[in-house]
Amino acid sequence: MSFVLVFLAALAAVVAGTTLYLARRERAHRQGAGGTEGLLIERQRTSQATRIRGIYSSFATHHGNGLLPDNLHQQYS
């Protein structure tokens, strides 16, 4: 019986610790993201992902001849 109680207490401690960690991380992210540099990086990554999804669509992946070297250079530049 004591094993069950210790296990439940440890499980509750893990859940509470994880909740506190995630809440603090979210609060710090909201407060620290005031600069425009982070927004510019996020916008650049989003546009890059959109472009890659358009270039390498499902149809192009399954019916094409693979990645071409010039496309790879364009993807990471």
Protein backbone atom coordinates (compact mmCIF):
# COMPACT_ATOMS: atom_id res chain seq x y z
CA MET A 1 0.00 0.00 0.00
CA SER A 2 2.83 2.39 0.80
CA PHE A 3 4.35 1.70 -2.63
CA VAL A 4 1.14 2.86 -4.31
CA LEU A 5 1.05 6.04 -2.23
CA VAL A 6 4.71 6.82 -2.95
CA PHE A 7 4.15 6.15 -6.64
CA LEU A 8 1.12 8.45 -6.77
CA ALA A 9 2.98 11.18 -4.85
CA ALA A 10 5.93 10.93 -7.27
CA LEU A 11 3.59 11.02 -10.25
CA ALA A 12 1.84 14.10 -8.86
CA ALA A 13 5.21 15.76 -8.25
CA VAL A 14 6.29 15.08 -11.84
CA VAL A 15 3.02 16.47 -13.23
CA ALA A 16 3.23 19.58 -11.03
CA GLY A 17 6.90 20.14 -11.92
CA THR A 18 6.24 19.80 -15.62
CA THR A 19 3.28 22.17 -15.42
CA LEU A 20 5.33 24.79 -13.58
CA TYR A 21 8.23 24.45 -16.00
CA LEU A 22 6.01 24.87 -19.06
CA ALA A 23 4.14 27.81 -17.51
CA ARG A 24 7.40 29.61 -16.68
CA ARG A 25 8.82 28.89 -20.12
CA GLU A 26 5.70 30.26 -21.81
CA ARG A 27 5.76 33.39 -19.62
CA ALA A 28 9.44 33.98 -20.36
CA HIS A 29 8.83 33.46 -24.07
CA ARG A 30 6.02 36.01 -24.08
CA GLN A 31 8.05 38.60 -22.17
CA GLY A 32 11.35 38.03 -23.96
CA ALA A 33 9.98 38.03 -27.49
CA GLY A 34 9.46 41.78 -27.58
CA GLY A 35 12.20 42.40 -30.12
CA THR A 36 11.63 42.46 -33.83
CA GLU A 37 14.61 40.22 -34.52
CA GLY A 38 12.73 37.12 -33.37
CA LEU A 39 9.71 38.03 -35.45
CA LEU A 40 11.85 38.55 -38.55
CA ILE A 41 13.56 35.18 -38.07
CA GLU A 42 10.21 33.46 -37.58
CA ARG A 43 8.77 35.13 -40.69
CA GLN A 44 11.83 34.12 -42.73
CA ARG A 45 11.62 30.49 -41.57
CA THR A 46 7.90 30.37 -42.28
CA SER A 47 8.35 31.69 -45.82
CA GLN A 48 11.22 29.26 -46.39
CA ALA A 49 9.06 26.34 -45.21
CA THR A 50 6.21 27.48 -47.45
CA ARG A 51 8.53 27.70 -50.44
CA ILE A 52 9.98 24.25 -49.76
CA ARG A 53 6.51 22.74 -49.41
CA GLY A 54 5.58 24.26 -52.77
CA ILE A 55 8.73 23.05 -54.53
CA TYR A 56 8.69 19.57 -53.04
CA SER A 57 5.01 18.76 -53.08
CA SER A 58 3.77 15.19 -52.78
CA PHE A 59 3.30 14.93 -56.53
CA ALA A 60 6.80 16.24 -57.26
CA THR A 61 8.32 13.90 -54.68
CA HIS A 62 6.62 10.76 -55.95
CA HIS A 63 6.73 11.50 -59.68
CA GLY A 64 9.92 13.48 -60.03
CA ASN A 65 13.55 12.52 -60.32
CA GLY A 66 14.57 13.61 -56.81
CA LEU A 67 16.40 16.65 -55.56
CA LEU A 68 18.43 18.53 -58.09
CA PRO A 69 21.69 20.12 -56.93
CA ASP A 70 20.55 23.64 -57.87
CA ASN A 71 17.36 23.18 -55.84
CA LEU A 72 19.39 22.08 -52.83
CA HIS A 73 21.55 25.19 -53.08
CA GLN A 74 18.45 27.35 -53.40
CA GLN A 75 16.85 25.66 -50.40
CA TYR A 76 19.70 26.38 -47.98
CA SER A 77 20.80 29.78 -49.20
